[in-house]
PDB file of all heavy atoms in Angstrom:
ATOM      1  N   LYS A   1      -5.963  14.936   6.689  1.00  0.00           N
ATOM      2  CA  LYS A   1      -6.492  15.941   5.782  1.00  0.00           C
ATOM      3  C   LYS A   1      -6.623  17.285   6.545  1.00  0.00           C
ATOM      4  O   LYS A   1      -7.098  17.304   7.648  1.00  0.00           O
ATOM      5  CB  LYS A   1      -7.852  15.535   5.176  1.00  0.00           C
ATOM      6  CG  LYS A   1      -7.744  14.437   4.163  1.00  0.00           C
ATOM      7  CD  LYS A   1      -9.071  14.240   3.413  1.00  0.00           C
ATOM      8  CE  LYS A   1      -8.980  13.188   2.327  1.00  0.00           C
ATOM      9  NZ  LYS A   1      -8.100  13.708   1.192  1.00  0.00           N
ATOM     10  N   TYR A   2      -6.155  18.383   5.896  1.00  0.00           N
ATOM     11  CA  TYR A   2      -6.105  19.642   6.545  1.00  0.00           C
ATOM     12  C   TYR A   2      -6.992  20.672   5.857  1.00  0.00           C
ATOM     13  O   TYR A   2      -7.039  20.678   4.583  1.00  0.00           O
ATOM     14  CB  TYR A   2      -4.681  20.170   6.604  1.00  0.00           C
ATOM     15  CG  TYR A   2      -3.738  19.378   7.442  1.00  0.00           C
ATOM     16  CD1 TYR A   2      -3.102  18.224   6.908  1.00  0.00           C
ATOM     17  CD2 TYR A   2      -3.512  19.729   8.726  1.00  0.00           C
ATOM     18  CE1 TYR A   2      -2.220  17.491   7.690  1.00  0.00           C
ATOM     19  CE2 TYR A   2      -2.630  18.973   9.516  1.00  0.00           C
ATOM     20  CZ  TYR A   2      -1.996  17.876   9.019  1.00  0.00           C
ATOM     21  OH  TYR A   2      -1.160  17.159   9.760  1.00  0.00           O
ATOM     22  N   PRO A   3      -7.635  21.563   6.566  1.00  0.00           N
ATOM     23  CA  PRO A   3      -8.353  22.644   5.883  1.00  0.00           C
ATOM     24  C   PRO A   3      -7.312  23.622   5.306  1.00  0.00           C
ATOM     25  O   PRO A   3      -6.183  23.739   5.815  1.00  0.00           O
ATOM     26  CB  PRO A   3      -9.094  23.355   6.986  1.00  0.00           C
ATOM     27  CG  PRO A   3      -8.362  22.974   8.269  1.00  0.00           C
ATOM     28  CD  PRO A   3      -7.808  21.627   8.003  1.00  0.00           C
ATOM     29  N   VAL A   4      -7.636  24.244   4.175  1.00  0.00           N
ATOM     30  CA  VAL A   4      -6.690  25.061   3.448  1.00  0.00           C
ATOM     31  C   VAL A   4      -7.233  26.498   3.364  1.00  0.00           C
ATOM     32  O   VAL A   4      -8.398  26.707   3.185  1.00  0.00           O
ATOM     33  CB  VAL A   4      -6.374  24.503   2.104  1.00  0.00           C
ATOM     34  CG1 VAL A   4      -7.604  24.479   1.213  1.00  0.00           C
ATOM     35  CG2 VAL A   4      -5.231  25.295   1.369  1.00  0.00           C
ATOM     36  N   ILE A   5      -6.300  27.461   3.487  1.00  0.00           N
ATOM     37  CA  ILE A   5      -6.641  28.841   3.249  1.00  0.00           C
ATOM     38  C   ILE A   5      -5.760  29.389   2.175  1.00  0.00           C
ATOM     39  O   ILE A   5      -4.549  29.352   2.228  1.00  0.00           O
ATOM     40  CB  ILE A   5      -6.413  29.686   4.551  1.00  0.00           C
ATOM     41  CG1 ILE A   5      -7.268  29.208   5.752  1.00  0.00           C
ATOM     42  CG2 ILE A   5      -6.685  31.149   4.270  1.00  0.00           C
ATOM     43  CD1 ILE A   5      -6.908  29.846   7.082  1.00  0.00           C
ATOM     44  N   PHE A   6      -6.374  29.893   1.083  1.00  0.00           N
ATOM     45  CA  PHE A   6      -5.666  30.559   0.000  1.00  0.00           C
ATOM     46  C   PHE A   6      -5.637  32.060   0.338  1.00  0.00           C
ATOM     47  O   PHE A   6      -6.730  32.673   0.389  1.00  0.00           O
ATOM     48  CB  PHE A   6      -6.332  30.292  -1.356  1.00  0.00           C
ATOM     49  CG  PHE A   6      -6.221  28.882  -1.800  1.00  0.00           C
ATOM     50  CD1 PHE A   6      -7.257  27.963  -1.566  1.00  0.00           C
ATOM     51  CD2 PHE A   6      -5.099  28.476  -2.522  1.00  0.00           C
ATOM     52  CE1 PHE A   6      -7.124  26.632  -2.009  1.00  0.00           C
ATOM     53  CE2 PHE A   6      -5.008  27.168  -2.951  1.00  0.00           C
ATOM     54  CZ  PHE A   6      -6.046  26.243  -2.711  1.00  0.00           C
ATOM     55  N   HIS A   7      -4.461  32.560   0.577  1.00  0.00           N
ATOM     56  CA  HIS A   7      -4.264  34.048   0.779  1.00  0.00           C
ATOM     57  C   HIS A   7      -3.873  34.668  -0.509  1.00  0.00           C
ATOM     58  O   HIS A   7      -2.823  34.277  -1.117  1.00  0.00           O
ATOM     59  CB  HIS A   7      -3.222  34.284   1.875  1.00  0.00           C
ATOM     60  CG  HIS A   7      -3.070  35.718   2.224  1.00  0.00           C
ATOM     61  ND1 HIS A   7      -1.968  36.222   2.930  1.00  0.00           N
ATOM     62  CD2 HIS A   7      -3.850  36.813   2.025  1.00  0.00           C
ATOM     63  CE1 HIS A   7      -2.064  37.503   3.078  1.00  0.00           C
ATOM     64  NE2 HIS A   7      -3.236  37.896   2.565  1.00  0.00           N
ATOM     65  N   VAL A   8      -4.735  35.550  -1.067  1.00  0.00           N
ATOM     66  CA  VAL A   8      -4.590  35.978  -2.446  1.00  0.00           C
ATOM     67  C   VAL A   8      -4.381  37.475  -2.602  1.00  0.00           C
ATOM     68  O   VAL A   8      -4.767  38.290  -1.749  1.00  0.00           O
ATOM     69  CB  VAL A   8      -5.814  35.575  -3.272  1.00  0.00           C
ATOM     70  CG1 VAL A   8      -6.002  34.040  -3.319  1.00  0.00           C
ATOM     71  CG2 VAL A   8      -7.114  36.150  -2.679  1.00  0.00           C
ATOM     72  N   TYR A   9      -3.788  37.872  -3.696  1.00  0.00           N
ATOM     73  CA  TYR A   9      -3.831  39.254  -4.147  1.00  0.00           C
ATOM     74  C   TYR A   9      -4.153  39.236  -5.647  1.00  0.00           C
ATOM     75  O   TYR A   9      -5.273  39.471  -6.083  1.00  0.00           O
ATOM     76  CB  TYR A   9      -2.533  40.016  -3.900  1.00  0.00           C
ATOM     77  CG  TYR A   9      -2.629  41.451  -4.288  1.00  0.00           C
ATOM     78  CD1 TYR A   9      -3.375  42.366  -3.503  1.00  0.00           C
ATOM     79  CD2 TYR A   9      -2.044  41.923  -5.513  1.00  0.00           C
ATOM     80  CE1 TYR A   9      -3.548  43.674  -3.965  1.00  0.00           C
ATOM     81  CE2 TYR A   9      -2.166  43.249  -5.836  1.00  0.00           C
ATOM     82  CZ  TYR A   9      -2.933  44.148  -5.121  1.00  0.00           C
ATOM     83  OH  TYR A   9      -3.068  45.453  -5.521  1.00  0.00           O
ATOM     84  N   GLY A  10      -3.119  39.006  -6.504  1.00  0.00           N
ATOM     85  CA  GLY A  10      -3.439  38.676  -7.886  1.00  0.00           C
ATOM     86  C   GLY A  10      -3.491  39.760  -8.889  1.00  0.00           C
ATOM     87  O   GLY A  10      -3.837  39.551 -10.047  1.00  0.00           O
ATOM     88  N   GLU A  11      -3.215  41.027  -8.507  1.00  0.00           N
ATOM     89  CA  GLU A  11      -3.208  42.174  -9.465  1.00  0.00           C
ATOM     90  C   GLU A  11      -1.804  42.655  -9.686  1.00  0.00           C
ATOM     91  O   GLU A  11      -0.842  42.210  -9.039  1.00  0.00           O
ATOM     92  CB  GLU A  11      -4.170  43.228  -8.910  1.00  0.00           C
ATOM     93  CG  GLU A  11      -5.655  42.801  -8.909  1.00  0.00           C
ATOM     94  CD  GLU A  11      -6.604  43.968  -8.789  1.00  0.00           C
ATOM     95  OE1 GLU A  11      -6.192  45.167  -8.937  1.00  0.00           O
ATOM     96  OE2 GLU A  11      -7.800  43.714  -8.623  1.00  0.00           O
ATOM     97  N   PRO A  12      -1.645  43.607 -10.634  1.00  0.00           N
ATOM     98  CA  PRO A  12      -0.275  44.066 -11.030  1.00  0.00           C
ATOM     99  C   PRO A  12       0.623  44.670  -9.912  1.00  0.00           C
ATOM    100  O   PRO A  12       1.745  44.917 -10.146  1.00  0.00           O
ATOM    101  CB  PRO A  12      -0.553  45.004 -12.177  1.00  0.00           C
ATOM    102  CG  PRO A  12      -1.816  44.582 -12.746  1.00  0.00           C
ATOM    103  CD  PRO A  12      -2.664  44.127 -11.540  1.00  0.00           C
ATOM    104  N   TRP A  13      -0.005  44.973  -8.764  1.00  0.00           N
ATOM    105  CA  TRP A  13       0.783  45.598  -7.703  1.00  0.00           C
ATOM    106  C   TRP A  13       1.158  44.759  -6.524  1.00  0.00           C
ATOM    107  O   TRP A  13       1.385  45.259  -5.444  1.00  0.00           O
ATOM    108  CB  TRP A  13       0.111  46.887  -7.264  1.00  0.00           C
ATOM    109  CG  TRP A  13       0.527  48.026  -8.122  1.00  0.00           C
ATOM    110  CD1 TRP A  13       0.047  48.338  -9.382  1.00  0.00           C
ATOM    111  CD2 TRP A  13       1.504  49.057  -7.906  1.00  0.00           C
ATOM    112  NE1 TRP A  13       0.646  49.413  -9.944  1.00  0.00           N
ATOM    113  CE2 TRP A  13       1.539  49.900  -9.013  1.00  0.00           C
ATOM    114  CE3 TRP A  13       2.282  49.323  -6.768  1.00  0.00           C
ATOM    115  CZ2 TRP A  13       2.382  50.952  -9.104  1.00  0.00           C
ATOM    116  CZ3 TRP A  13       3.148  50.420  -6.860  1.00  0.00           C
ATOM    117  CH2 TRP A  13       3.205  51.225  -8.007  1.00  0.00           C
ATOM    118  N   GLY A  14       1.166  43.440  -6.704  1.00  0.00           N
ATOM    119  CA  GLY A  14       1.558  42.610  -5.556  1.00  0.00           C
ATOM    120  C   GLY A  14       1.889  41.191  -5.964  1.00  0.00           C
ATOM    121  O   GLY A  14       1.195  40.499  -6.745  1.00  0.00           O
ATOM    122  N   GLN A  15       3.020  40.720  -5.404  1.00  0.00           N
ATOM    123  CA  GLN A  15       3.482  39.319  -5.541  1.00  0.00           C
ATOM    124  C   GLN A  15       3.353  38.664  -4.202  1.00  0.00           C
ATOM    125  O   GLN A  15       3.741  39.176  -3.195  1.00  0.00           O
ATOM    126  CB  GLN A  15       4.895  39.289  -6.084  1.00  0.00           C
ATOM    127  CG  GLN A  15       5.434  37.910  -6.402  1.00  0.00           C
ATOM    128  CD  GLN A  15       6.837  37.925  -6.923  1.00  0.00           C
ATOM    129  OE1 GLN A  15       7.378  38.995  -7.221  1.00  0.00           O
ATOM    130  NE2 GLN A  15       7.459  36.799  -7.072  1.00  0.00           N
ATOM    131  N   MET A  16       2.815  37.451  -4.144  1.00  0.00           N
ATOM    132  CA  MET A  16       2.514  36.750  -2.889  1.00  0.00           C
ATOM    133  C   MET A  16       3.458  35.645  -2.529  1.00  0.00           C
ATOM    134  O   MET A  16       3.802  35.497  -1.383  1.00  0.00           O
ATOM    135  CB  MET A  16       1.079  36.219  -2.947  1.00  0.00           C
ATOM    136  CG  MET A  16       0.024  37.282  -3.105  1.00  0.00           C
ATOM    137  SD  MET A  16      -0.148  38.356  -1.646  1.00  0.00           S
ATOM    138  CE  MET A  16      -0.842  37.202  -0.453  1.00  0.00           C
ATOM    139  N   ALA A  17       3.825  34.851  -3.480  1.00  0.00           N
ATOM    140  CA  ALA A  17       4.687  33.654  -3.226  1.00  0.00           C
ATOM    141  C   ALA A  17       6.144  33.981  -3.162  1.00  0.00           C
ATOM    142  O   ALA A  17       6.895  33.658  -4.006  1.00  0.00           O
ATOM    143  CB  ALA A  17       4.355  32.566  -4.231  1.00  0.00           C
ATOM    144  N   THR A  18       6.497  34.853  -2.157  1.00  0.00           N
ATOM    145  CA  THR A  18       7.879  35.353  -2.063  1.00  0.00           C
ATOM    146  C   THR A  18       8.639  34.714  -0.957  1.00  0.00           C
ATOM    147  O   THR A  18       8.000  34.289   0.049  1.00  0.00           O
ATOM    148  CB  THR A  18       7.829  36.884  -1.885  1.00  0.00           C
ATOM    149  OG1 THR A  18       7.134  37.175  -0.664  1.00  0.00           O
ATOM    150  CG2 THR A  18       7.157  37.565  -3.089  1.00  0.00           C
ATOM    151  N   ASP A  19       9.948  34.744  -1.078  1.00  0.00           N
ATOM    152  CA  ASP A  19      10.847  34.170  -0.003  1.00  0.00           C
ATOM    153  C   ASP A  19      11.106  35.225   1.068  1.00  0.00           C
ATOM    154  O   ASP A  19      12.244  35.597   1.334  1.00  0.00           O
ATOM    155  CB  ASP A  19      12.072  33.614  -0.698  1.00  0.00           C
ATOM    156  CG  ASP A  19      12.858  32.704   0.257  1.00  0.00           C
ATOM    157  OD1 ASP A  19      12.400  32.529   1.434  1.00  0.00           O
ATOM    158  OD2 ASP A  19      13.904  32.199  -0.144  1.00  0.00           O
ATOM    159  N   THR A  20      10.054  35.713   1.626  1.00  0.00           N
ATOM    160  CA  THR A  20      10.113  36.716   2.738  1.00  0.00           C
ATOM    161  C   THR A  20       9.443  36.083   3.960  1.00  0.00           C
ATOM    162  O   THR A  20       8.605  35.160   3.859  1.00  0.00           O
ATOM    163  CB  THR A  20       9.336  38.013   2.371  1.00  0.00           C
ATOM    164  OG1 THR A  20       8.001  37.715   1.953  1.00  0.00           O
ATOM    165  CG2 THR A  20      10.106  38.726   1.261  1.00  0.00           C
ATOM    166  N   TRP A  21       9.770  36.619   5.147  1.00  0.00           N
ATOM    167  CA  TRP A  21       9.280  36.029   6.333  1.00  0.00           C
ATOM    168  C   TRP A  21       7.720  36.002   6.330  1.00  0.00           C
ATOM    169  O   TRP A  21       7.098  36.979   5.983  1.00  0.00           O
ATOM    170  CB  TRP A  21       9.728  36.896   7.575  1.00  0.00           C
ATOM    171  CG  TRP A  21       9.351  36.269   8.859  1.00  0.00           C
ATOM    172  CD1 TRP A  21       9.494  35.021   9.289  1.00  0.00           C
ATOM    173  CD2 TRP A  21       8.690  36.969   9.987  1.00  0.00           C
ATOM    174  NE1 TRP A  21       9.039  34.837  10.538  1.00  0.00           N
ATOM    175  CE2 TRP A  21       8.507  36.010  10.971  1.00  0.00           C
ATOM    176  CE3 TRP A  21       8.263  38.289  10.151  1.00  0.00           C
ATOM    177  CZ2 TRP A  21       7.912  36.332  12.242  1.00  0.00           C
ATOM    178  CZ3 TRP A  21       7.696  38.555  11.365  1.00  0.00           C
ATOM    179  CH2 TRP A  21       7.500  37.605  12.376  1.00  0.00           C
ATOM    180  N   ILE A  22       7.176  34.880   6.726  1.00  0.00           N
ATOM    181  CA  ILE A  22       5.770  34.642   6.581  1.00  0.00           C
ATOM    182  C   ILE A  22       4.915  35.410   7.559  1.00  0.00           C
ATOM    183  O   ILE A  22       3.770  35.694   7.330  1.00  0.00           O
ATOM    184  CB  ILE A  22       5.421  33.122   6.705  1.00  0.00           C
ATOM    185  CG1 ILE A  22       5.833  32.634   8.114  1.00  0.00           C
ATOM    186  CG2 ILE A  22       6.020  32.364   5.585  1.00  0.00           C
ATOM    187  CD1 ILE A  22       5.383  31.193   8.426  1.00  0.00           C
ATOM    188  N   GLY A  23       5.465  35.884   8.675  1.00  0.00           N
ATOM    189  CA  GLY A  23       4.740  36.664   9.661  1.00  0.00           C
ATOM    190  C   GLY A  23       4.014  35.871  10.643  1.00  0.00           C
ATOM    191  O   GLY A  23       3.753  34.703  10.509  1.00  0.00           O
ATOM    192  N   LEU A  24       3.580  36.563  11.781  1.00  0.00           N
ATOM    193  CA  LEU A  24       2.988  35.953  12.866  1.00  0.00           C
ATOM    194  C   LEU A  24       1.572  35.398  12.604  1.00  0.00           C
ATOM    195  O   LEU A  24       1.207  34.270  13.133  1.00  0.00           O
ATOM    196  CB  LEU A  24       2.867  36.935  14.043  1.00  0.00           C
ATOM    197  CG  LEU A  24       4.265  37.399  14.623  1.00  0.00           C
ATOM    198  CD1 LEU A  24       4.025  38.517  15.632  1.00  0.00           C
ATOM    199  CD2 LEU A  24       4.987  36.240  15.285  1.00  0.00           C
ATOM    200  N   TYR A  25       0.808  36.066  11.755  1.00  0.00           N
ATOM    201  CA  TYR A  25      -0.547  35.621  11.588  1.00  0.00           C
ATOM    202  C   TYR A  25      -0.559  34.273  10.812  1.00  0.00           C
ATOM    203  O   TYR A  25      -1.384  33.368  11.159  1.00  0.00           O
ATOM    204  CB  TYR A  25      -1.395  36.630  10.810  1.00  0.00           C
ATOM    205  CG  TYR A  25      -2.875  36.304  10.817  1.00  0.00           C
ATOM    206  CD1 TYR A  25      -3.614  36.177  12.011  1.00  0.00           C
ATOM    207  CD2 TYR A  25      -3.569  36.110   9.628  1.00  0.00           C
ATOM    208  CE1 TYR A  25      -4.940  35.839  11.993  1.00  0.00           C
ATOM    209  CE2 TYR A  25      -4.951  35.804   9.642  1.00  0.00           C
ATOM    210  CZ  TYR A  25      -5.599  35.628  10.832  1.00  0.00           C
ATOM    211  OH  TYR A  25      -6.948  35.325  10.846  1.00  0.00           O
ATOM    212  N   ASP A  26       0.299  34.077   9.855  1.00  0.00           N
ATOM    213  CA  ASP A  26       0.365  32.799   9.173  1.00  0.00           C
ATOM    214  C   ASP A  26       0.872  31.719  10.134  1.00  0.00           C
ATOM    215  O   ASP A  26       0.407  30.498  10.012  1.00  0.00           O
ATOM    216  CB  ASP A  26       1.259  32.900   7.910  1.00  0.00           C
ATOM    217  CG  ASP A  26       0.483  33.383   6.708  1.00  0.00           C
ATOM    218  OD1 ASP A  26      -0.685  33.836   6.853  1.00  0.00           O
ATOM    219  OD2 ASP A  26       1.004  33.292   5.601  1.00  0.00           O
ATOM    220  N   ILE A  27       1.812  31.996  11.003  1.00  0.00           N
ATOM    221  CA  ILE A  27       2.268  31.079  11.971  1.00  0.00           C
ATOM    222  C   ILE A  27       1.104  30.678  12.869  1.00  0.00           C
ATOM    223  O   ILE A  27       0.850  29.478  13.165  1.00  0.00           O
ATOM    224  CB  ILE A  27       3.446  31.630  12.806  1.00  0.00           C
ATOM    225  CG1 ILE A  27       4.683  31.859  11.954  1.00  0.00           C
ATOM    226  CG2 ILE A  27       3.762  30.733  13.995  1.00  0.00           C
ATOM    227  CD1 ILE A  27       5.774  32.637  12.661  1.00  0.00           C
ATOM    228  N   PHE A  28       0.348  31.621  13.321  1.00  0.00           N
ATOM    229  CA  PHE A  28      -0.852  31.408  14.111  1.00  0.00           C
ATOM    230  C   PHE A  28      -1.869  30.465  13.418  1.00  0.00           C
ATOM    231  O   PHE A  28      -2.345  29.533  14.028  1.00  0.00           O
ATOM    232  CB  PHE A  28      -1.502  32.712  14.483  1.00  0.00           C
ATOM    233  CG  PHE A  28      -2.895  32.610  15.139  1.00  0.00           C
ATOM    234  CD1 PHE A  28      -3.012  32.171  16.453  1.00  0.00           C
ATOM    235  CD2 PHE A  28      -3.976  32.947  14.386  1.00  0.00           C
ATOM    236  CE1 PHE A  28      -4.282  32.066  16.957  1.00  0.00           C
ATOM    237  CE2 PHE A  28      -5.239  32.869  14.980  1.00  0.00           C
ATOM    238  CZ  PHE A  28      -5.402  32.419  16.250  1.00  0.00           C
ATOM    239  N   LEU A  29      -2.156  30.723  12.175  1.00  0.00           N
ATOM    240  CA  LEU A  29      -3.123  29.978  11.410  1.00  0.00           C
ATOM    241  C   LEU A  29      -2.631  28.519  11.275  1.00  0.00           C
ATOM    242  O   LEU A  29      -3.444  27.557  11.347  1.00  0.00           O
ATOM    243  CB  LEU A  29      -3.412  30.561  10.060  1.00  0.00           C
ATOM    244  CG  LEU A  29      -4.215  31.878  10.033  1.00  0.00           C
ATOM    245  CD1 LEU A  29      -4.270  32.420   8.636  1.00  0.00           C
ATOM    246  CD2 LEU A  29      -5.608  31.702  10.656  1.00  0.00           C
ATOM    247  N   ALA A  30      -1.283  28.360  11.020  1.00  0.00           N
ATOM    248  CA  ALA A  30      -0.764  27.043  10.937  1.00  0.00           C
ATOM    249  C   ALA A  30      -0.905  26.254  12.226  1.00  0.00           C
ATOM    250  O   ALA A  30      -1.167  25.062  12.249  1.00  0.00           O
ATOM    251  CB  ALA A  30       0.728  27.066  10.510  1.00  0.00           C
ATOM    252  N   GLN A  31      -0.725  26.998  13.337  1.00  0.00           N
ATOM    253  CA  GLN A  31      -0.880  26.368  14.630  1.00  0.00           C
ATOM    254  C   GLN A  31      -2.352  25.943  14.927  1.00  0.00           C
ATOM    255  O   GLN A  31      -2.587  25.050  15.719  1.00  0.00           O
ATOM    256  CB  GLN A  31      -0.402  27.315  15.715  1.00  0.00           C
ATOM    257  CG  GLN A  31       1.083  27.518  15.787  1.00  0.00           C
ATOM    258  CD  GLN A  31       1.561  28.500  16.844  1.00  0.00           C
ATOM    259  OE1 GLN A  31       0.695  29.212  17.489  1.00  0.00           O
ATOM    260  NE2 GLN A  31       2.812  28.537  17.112  1.00  0.00           N
ATOM    261  N   GLN A  32      -3.286  26.601  14.226  1.00  0.00           N
ATOM    262  CA  GLN A  32      -4.715  26.270  14.314  1.00  0.00           C
ATOM    263  C   GLN A  32      -5.030  25.058  13.456  1.00  0.00           C
ATOM    264  O   GLN A  32      -6.218  24.613  13.438  1.00  0.00           O
ATOM    265  CB  GLN A  32      -5.544  27.452  14.011  1.00  0.00           C
ATOM    266  CG  GLN A  32      -5.359  28.720  14.863  1.00  0.00           C
ATOM    267  CD  GLN A  32      -5.656  28.404  16.302  1.00  0.00           C
ATOM    268  OE1 GLN A  32      -6.778  27.882  16.621  1.00  0.00           O
ATOM    269  NE2 GLN A  32      -4.776  28.836  17.191  1.00  0.00           N
TER     270      GLN A  32
END
């Protein structure tokens, strides 16, 4: 079982679940 972090935006000026590079901070959090 893993702790989960929901990274959110949710308003008309941003889409989150995109097929773009996830970036270093998400890699770091996954390593944690």
